[in-house]
N, C-alpha and C. Protein backbone atom coordinates (compact mmCIF):
# COMPACT_ATOMS: atom_id res chain seq x y z
N MET A 1 11.13 -10.16 0.63
CA MET A 1 11.26 -9.20 1.71
C MET A 1 12.38 -8.19 1.45
N PRO A 2 13.52 -8.61 0.90
CA PRO A 2 14.59 -7.63 0.66
C PRO A 2 14.16 -6.50 -0.29
N VAL A 3 13.38 -6.83 -1.31
CA VAL A 3 12.95 -5.81 -2.27
C VAL A 3 11.98 -4.84 -1.61
N LEU A 4 11.06 -5.35 -0.81
CA LEU A 4 10.10 -4.49 -0.12
C LEU A 4 10.81 -3.54 0.83
N ALA A 5 11.76 -4.05 1.61
CA ALA A 5 12.49 -3.20 2.56
C ALA A 5 13.28 -2.13 1.81
N ALA A 6 13.92 -2.50 0.72
CA ALA A 6 14.70 -1.53 -0.07
C ALA A 6 13.79 -0.47 -0.66
N THR A 7 12.60 -0.85 -1.10
CA THR A 7 11.66 0.11 -1.67
C THR A 7 11.18 1.09 -0.61
N ILE A 8 10.87 0.60 0.57
CA ILE A 8 10.43 1.49 1.66
C ILE A 8 11.53 2.49 2.00
N ARG A 9 12.76 2.00 2.10
CA ARG A 9 13.88 2.91 2.40
C ARG A 9 14.03 3.96 1.29
N ARG A 10 13.93 3.52 0.05
CA ARG A 10 14.11 4.43 -1.09
C ARG A 10 13.01 5.49 -1.14
N LEU A 11 11.79 5.11 -0.81
CA LEU A 11 10.68 6.07 -0.86
C LEU A 11 10.92 7.24 0.10
N GLY A 12 11.52 6.96 1.23
CA GLY A 12 11.82 8.02 2.18
C GLY A 12 12.85 9.00 1.66
N ASP A 13 13.67 8.58 0.71
CA ASP A 13 14.70 9.44 0.13
C ASP A 13 14.18 10.28 -1.03
N GLY A 14 13.04 9.94 -1.54
CA GLY A 14 12.46 10.69 -2.65
C GLY A 14 12.23 9.82 -3.87
N PHE A 15 11.44 10.32 -4.77
CA PHE A 15 11.09 9.61 -5.99
C PHE A 15 10.61 10.64 -6.99
N SER A 16 10.54 10.23 -8.23
CA SER A 16 10.21 11.19 -9.29
C SER A 16 8.70 11.42 -9.40
N HIS A 17 8.37 12.52 -10.03
CA HIS A 17 6.97 12.84 -10.30
C HIS A 17 6.35 11.74 -11.19
N GLU A 18 7.14 11.23 -12.12
CA GLU A 18 6.65 10.18 -13.03
C GLU A 18 6.32 8.91 -12.26
N GLU A 19 7.14 8.56 -11.25
CA GLU A 19 6.86 7.38 -10.44
C GLU A 19 5.54 7.53 -9.68
N LEU A 20 5.33 8.72 -9.13
CA LEU A 20 4.08 8.97 -8.41
C LEU A 20 2.89 8.89 -9.35
N GLU A 21 3.01 9.49 -10.52
CA GLU A 21 1.91 9.45 -11.50
C GLU A 21 1.63 8.03 -11.95
N ARG A 22 2.68 7.24 -12.17
CA ARG A 22 2.51 5.85 -12.57
C ARG A 22 1.80 5.05 -11.48
N ALA A 23 2.18 5.29 -10.23
CA ALA A 23 1.54 4.58 -9.11
C ALA A 23 0.06 4.96 -9.01
N ARG A 24 -0.23 6.24 -9.16
CA ARG A 24 -1.64 6.68 -9.12
C ARG A 24 -2.44 6.02 -10.24
N ALA A 25 -1.88 6.03 -11.44
CA ALA A 25 -2.57 5.44 -12.60
C ALA A 25 -2.81 3.95 -12.38
N GLN A 26 -1.82 3.26 -11.82
CA GLN A 26 -1.96 1.83 -11.58
C GLN A 26 -3.05 1.56 -10.54
N LEU A 27 -3.07 2.35 -9.47
CA LEU A 27 -4.11 2.17 -8.45
C LEU A 27 -5.50 2.41 -9.03
N LYS A 28 -5.65 3.48 -9.80
CA LYS A 28 -6.97 3.78 -10.38
C LYS A 28 -7.38 2.73 -11.39
N ALA A 29 -6.44 2.26 -12.21
CA ALA A 29 -6.77 1.22 -13.20
C ALA A 29 -7.21 -0.06 -12.50
N GLY A 30 -6.48 -0.45 -11.45
CA GLY A 30 -6.85 -1.65 -10.71
C GLY A 30 -8.22 -1.52 -10.07
N LEU A 31 -8.48 -0.34 -9.52
CA LEU A 31 -9.78 -0.08 -8.89
C LEU A 31 -10.90 -0.18 -9.92
N LEU A 32 -10.71 0.48 -11.06
CA LEU A 32 -11.75 0.48 -12.09
C LEU A 32 -11.95 -0.91 -12.70
N MET A 33 -10.85 -1.63 -12.92
CA MET A 33 -10.98 -2.98 -13.49
C MET A 33 -11.66 -3.93 -12.50
N SER A 34 -11.44 -3.71 -11.20
CA SER A 34 -12.08 -4.59 -10.22
C SER A 34 -13.59 -4.43 -10.23
N LEU A 35 -14.05 -3.29 -10.68
CA LEU A 35 -15.50 -3.04 -10.69
C LEU A 35 -16.21 -3.80 -11.80
N GLU A 36 -15.46 -4.44 -12.69
CA GLU A 36 -16.08 -5.23 -13.75
C GLU A 36 -16.70 -6.51 -13.19
N SER A 37 -16.26 -6.93 -12.02
CA SER A 37 -16.79 -8.13 -11.39
C SER A 37 -17.90 -7.75 -10.42
N THR A 38 -19.06 -8.34 -10.62
CA THR A 38 -20.19 -8.07 -9.74
C THR A 38 -19.87 -8.45 -8.31
N MET A 39 -19.21 -9.58 -8.12
CA MET A 39 -18.89 -10.04 -6.78
C MET A 39 -17.93 -9.06 -6.09
N THR A 40 -16.95 -8.57 -6.82
CA THR A 40 -16.01 -7.61 -6.23
C THR A 40 -16.72 -6.33 -5.84
N ARG A 41 -17.63 -5.88 -6.68
CA ARG A 41 -18.38 -4.65 -6.36
C ARG A 41 -19.18 -4.85 -5.08
N VAL A 42 -19.83 -5.98 -4.95
CA VAL A 42 -20.62 -6.27 -3.75
C VAL A 42 -19.70 -6.31 -2.53
N GLU A 43 -18.53 -6.96 -2.65
CA GLU A 43 -17.60 -7.03 -1.54
C GLU A 43 -17.09 -5.64 -1.15
N GLN A 44 -16.79 -4.80 -2.13
CA GLN A 44 -16.32 -3.44 -1.84
C GLN A 44 -17.40 -2.63 -1.13
N HIS A 45 -18.63 -2.73 -1.61
CA HIS A 45 -19.72 -1.99 -0.97
C HIS A 45 -19.98 -2.51 0.44
N ALA A 46 -19.96 -3.82 0.60
CA ALA A 46 -20.21 -4.40 1.93
C ALA A 46 -19.09 -3.99 2.90
N GLY A 47 -17.84 -4.05 2.43
CA GLY A 47 -16.72 -3.64 3.28
C GLY A 47 -16.82 -2.19 3.69
N ALA A 48 -17.18 -1.33 2.73
CA ALA A 48 -17.32 0.10 3.03
C ALA A 48 -18.45 0.33 4.03
N MET A 49 -19.54 -0.40 3.89
CA MET A 49 -20.66 -0.26 4.82
C MET A 49 -20.24 -0.68 6.23
N MET A 50 -19.48 -1.77 6.32
CA MET A 50 -19.06 -2.26 7.64
C MET A 50 -18.05 -1.32 8.28
N VAL A 51 -17.12 -0.79 7.51
CA VAL A 51 -16.06 0.03 8.07
C VAL A 51 -16.47 1.49 8.23
N PHE A 52 -17.10 2.04 7.18
CA PHE A 52 -17.40 3.47 7.16
C PHE A 52 -18.88 3.81 7.36
N GLY A 53 -19.73 2.79 7.31
CA GLY A 53 -21.15 3.03 7.49
C GLY A 53 -21.82 3.65 6.28
N ARG A 54 -21.14 3.60 5.14
CA ARG A 54 -21.73 4.15 3.90
C ARG A 54 -21.19 3.33 2.73
N PRO A 55 -21.90 3.36 1.61
CA PRO A 55 -21.45 2.58 0.45
C PRO A 55 -20.14 3.10 -0.15
N PHE A 56 -19.49 2.25 -0.86
CA PHE A 56 -18.26 2.57 -1.58
C PHE A 56 -18.54 3.68 -2.58
N ASP A 57 -17.73 4.73 -2.58
CA ASP A 57 -17.91 5.87 -3.49
C ASP A 57 -16.70 5.95 -4.41
N LEU A 58 -16.88 5.54 -5.65
CA LEU A 58 -15.78 5.50 -6.62
C LEU A 58 -15.14 6.88 -6.81
N ASP A 59 -15.96 7.91 -6.96
CA ASP A 59 -15.40 9.26 -7.17
C ASP A 59 -14.55 9.70 -5.98
N ASP A 60 -14.99 9.37 -4.77
CA ASP A 60 -14.22 9.71 -3.58
C ASP A 60 -12.88 8.97 -3.57
N MET A 61 -12.90 7.69 -3.94
CA MET A 61 -11.66 6.91 -3.97
C MET A 61 -10.68 7.50 -4.99
N VAL A 62 -11.16 7.87 -6.15
CA VAL A 62 -10.29 8.46 -7.18
C VAL A 62 -9.73 9.79 -6.68
N ARG A 63 -10.56 10.61 -6.02
CA ARG A 63 -10.07 11.88 -5.46
C ARG A 63 -8.98 11.64 -4.42
N ARG A 64 -9.17 10.64 -3.59
CA ARG A 64 -8.18 10.33 -2.56
C ARG A 64 -6.86 9.85 -3.18
N ILE A 65 -6.95 9.05 -4.21
CA ILE A 65 -5.73 8.60 -4.90
C ILE A 65 -5.03 9.79 -5.52
N ASP A 66 -5.78 10.67 -6.17
CA ASP A 66 -5.19 11.85 -6.80
C ASP A 66 -4.59 12.81 -5.77
N ALA A 67 -5.08 12.77 -4.53
CA ALA A 67 -4.59 13.69 -3.50
C ALA A 67 -3.27 13.24 -2.89
N VAL A 68 -2.84 12.01 -3.15
CA VAL A 68 -1.57 11.54 -2.60
C VAL A 68 -0.44 12.35 -3.22
N ASP A 69 0.43 12.88 -2.35
CA ASP A 69 1.55 13.69 -2.85
C ASP A 69 2.86 13.16 -2.30
N HIS A 70 3.96 13.76 -2.75
CA HIS A 70 5.29 13.32 -2.34
C HIS A 70 5.45 13.34 -0.82
N ASP A 71 5.02 14.42 -0.20
CA ASP A 71 5.19 14.54 1.25
C ASP A 71 4.43 13.45 2.00
N GLY A 72 3.23 13.12 1.56
CA GLY A 72 2.44 12.08 2.20
C GLY A 72 3.12 10.72 2.09
N VAL A 73 3.64 10.41 0.92
CA VAL A 73 4.33 9.13 0.73
C VAL A 73 5.58 9.08 1.62
N LYS A 74 6.31 10.19 1.68
CA LYS A 74 7.52 10.23 2.51
C LYS A 74 7.17 10.05 3.99
N ARG A 75 6.07 10.67 4.44
CA ARG A 75 5.66 10.52 5.84
C ARG A 75 5.35 9.06 6.16
N VAL A 76 4.62 8.40 5.28
CA VAL A 76 4.27 7.00 5.52
C VAL A 76 5.52 6.12 5.47
N ALA A 77 6.40 6.38 4.51
CA ALA A 77 7.65 5.60 4.43
C ALA A 77 8.47 5.78 5.71
N HIS A 78 8.52 6.99 6.23
CA HIS A 78 9.27 7.24 7.47
C HIS A 78 8.64 6.48 8.64
N ARG A 79 7.31 6.49 8.72
CA ARG A 79 6.63 5.74 9.79
C ARG A 79 6.92 4.25 9.68
N LEU A 80 6.91 3.73 8.44
CA LEU A 80 7.18 2.32 8.25
C LEU A 80 8.61 1.96 8.65
N LYS A 81 9.53 2.88 8.37
CA LYS A 81 10.93 2.63 8.72
C LYS A 81 11.17 2.74 10.22
N SER A 82 10.46 3.63 10.88
CA SER A 82 10.74 3.89 12.29
C SER A 82 9.97 2.98 13.25
N ALA A 83 8.93 2.35 12.78
CA ALA A 83 8.15 1.44 13.64
C ALA A 83 8.69 0.02 13.51
N PRO A 84 8.60 -0.75 14.56
CA PRO A 84 9.02 -2.15 14.43
C PRO A 84 8.16 -2.85 13.39
N PRO A 85 8.77 -3.62 12.51
CA PRO A 85 7.96 -4.27 11.46
C PRO A 85 7.07 -5.36 12.04
N THR A 86 5.98 -5.61 11.36
CA THR A 86 5.11 -6.73 11.66
C THR A 86 5.27 -7.72 10.53
N VAL A 87 5.53 -8.96 10.87
CA VAL A 87 5.76 -9.98 9.85
C VAL A 87 4.68 -11.03 9.98
N THR A 88 4.04 -11.33 8.86
CA THR A 88 3.02 -12.36 8.81
C THR A 88 3.42 -13.33 7.71
N ALA A 89 3.32 -14.61 7.98
CA ALA A 89 3.69 -15.61 6.99
C ALA A 89 2.61 -16.68 6.92
N LEU A 90 2.44 -17.21 5.74
CA LEU A 90 1.45 -18.26 5.52
C LEU A 90 2.15 -19.38 4.78
N GLY A 91 1.97 -20.59 5.23
CA GLY A 91 2.60 -21.73 4.57
C GLY A 91 3.92 -22.08 5.23
N PRO A 92 4.73 -22.86 4.53
CA PRO A 92 6.02 -23.26 5.11
C PRO A 92 6.89 -22.04 5.38
N ILE A 93 7.37 -21.91 6.60
CA ILE A 93 8.14 -20.72 6.96
C ILE A 93 9.61 -21.03 7.21
N GLY A 94 10.04 -22.22 6.84
CA GLY A 94 11.43 -22.61 7.07
C GLY A 94 12.43 -21.68 6.39
N ALA A 95 12.08 -21.13 5.23
CA ALA A 95 13.01 -20.28 4.49
C ALA A 95 12.82 -18.80 4.83
N LEU A 96 11.90 -18.49 5.72
CA LEU A 96 11.64 -17.10 6.08
C LEU A 96 12.82 -16.52 6.86
N GLU A 97 13.21 -15.31 6.49
CA GLU A 97 14.29 -14.63 7.22
C GLU A 97 13.88 -14.40 8.67
N SER A 98 14.85 -14.25 9.53
CA SER A 98 14.54 -13.98 10.93
C SER A 98 13.96 -12.57 11.06
N TYR A 99 13.20 -12.40 12.11
CA TYR A 99 12.60 -11.09 12.37
C TYR A 99 13.68 -10.02 12.49
N ASP A 100 14.75 -10.32 13.21
CA ASP A 100 15.82 -9.33 13.41
C ASP A 100 16.46 -8.92 12.09
N ARG A 101 16.64 -9.87 11.21
CA ARG A 101 17.24 -9.54 9.90
C ARG A 101 16.31 -8.65 9.09
N ILE A 102 15.04 -8.94 9.13
CA ILE A 102 14.06 -8.11 8.40
C ILE A 102 14.07 -6.69 8.98
N ALA A 103 14.07 -6.56 10.30
CA ALA A 103 14.10 -5.25 10.94
C ALA A 103 15.36 -4.48 10.56
N ARG A 104 16.49 -5.17 10.50
CA ARG A 104 17.75 -4.51 10.12
C ARG A 104 17.70 -3.99 8.68
N ARG A 105 17.02 -4.69 7.81
CA ARG A 105 16.88 -4.24 6.41
C ARG A 105 16.21 -2.86 6.35
N LEU A 106 15.25 -2.65 7.22
CA LEU A 106 14.54 -1.36 7.22
C LEU A 106 15.38 -0.26 7.84
N ASP A 107 16.30 -0.60 8.71
CA ASP A 107 17.16 0.38 9.36
C ASP A 107 18.33 0.82 8.48
N ALA A 108 18.66 0.00 7.52
CA ALA A 108 19.86 0.26 6.70
C ALA A 108 19.80 1.59 6.00
């Protein structure tokens, strides 16, 4: 959690063009590699049909990834910082930080 909160705070302050390009490349590579699995392709198409009422469109997804810019990332980072965090945990939660501590990490 500390690393995630620090990353969200840092994104609001700015990041390099190279970091944005690397993130885009990683997203596209993951998307394309996931299509090698027939089951994943079926799940993606079924999810798109349920949510959007149309099949998954790879070209559209790549265009959307390429359209992400610095200002858009900063806007989302600001929204994440300014909204109360939502915390979900699975498994033993005894070592989980308190909600208040997690929220303070985002305010720092």
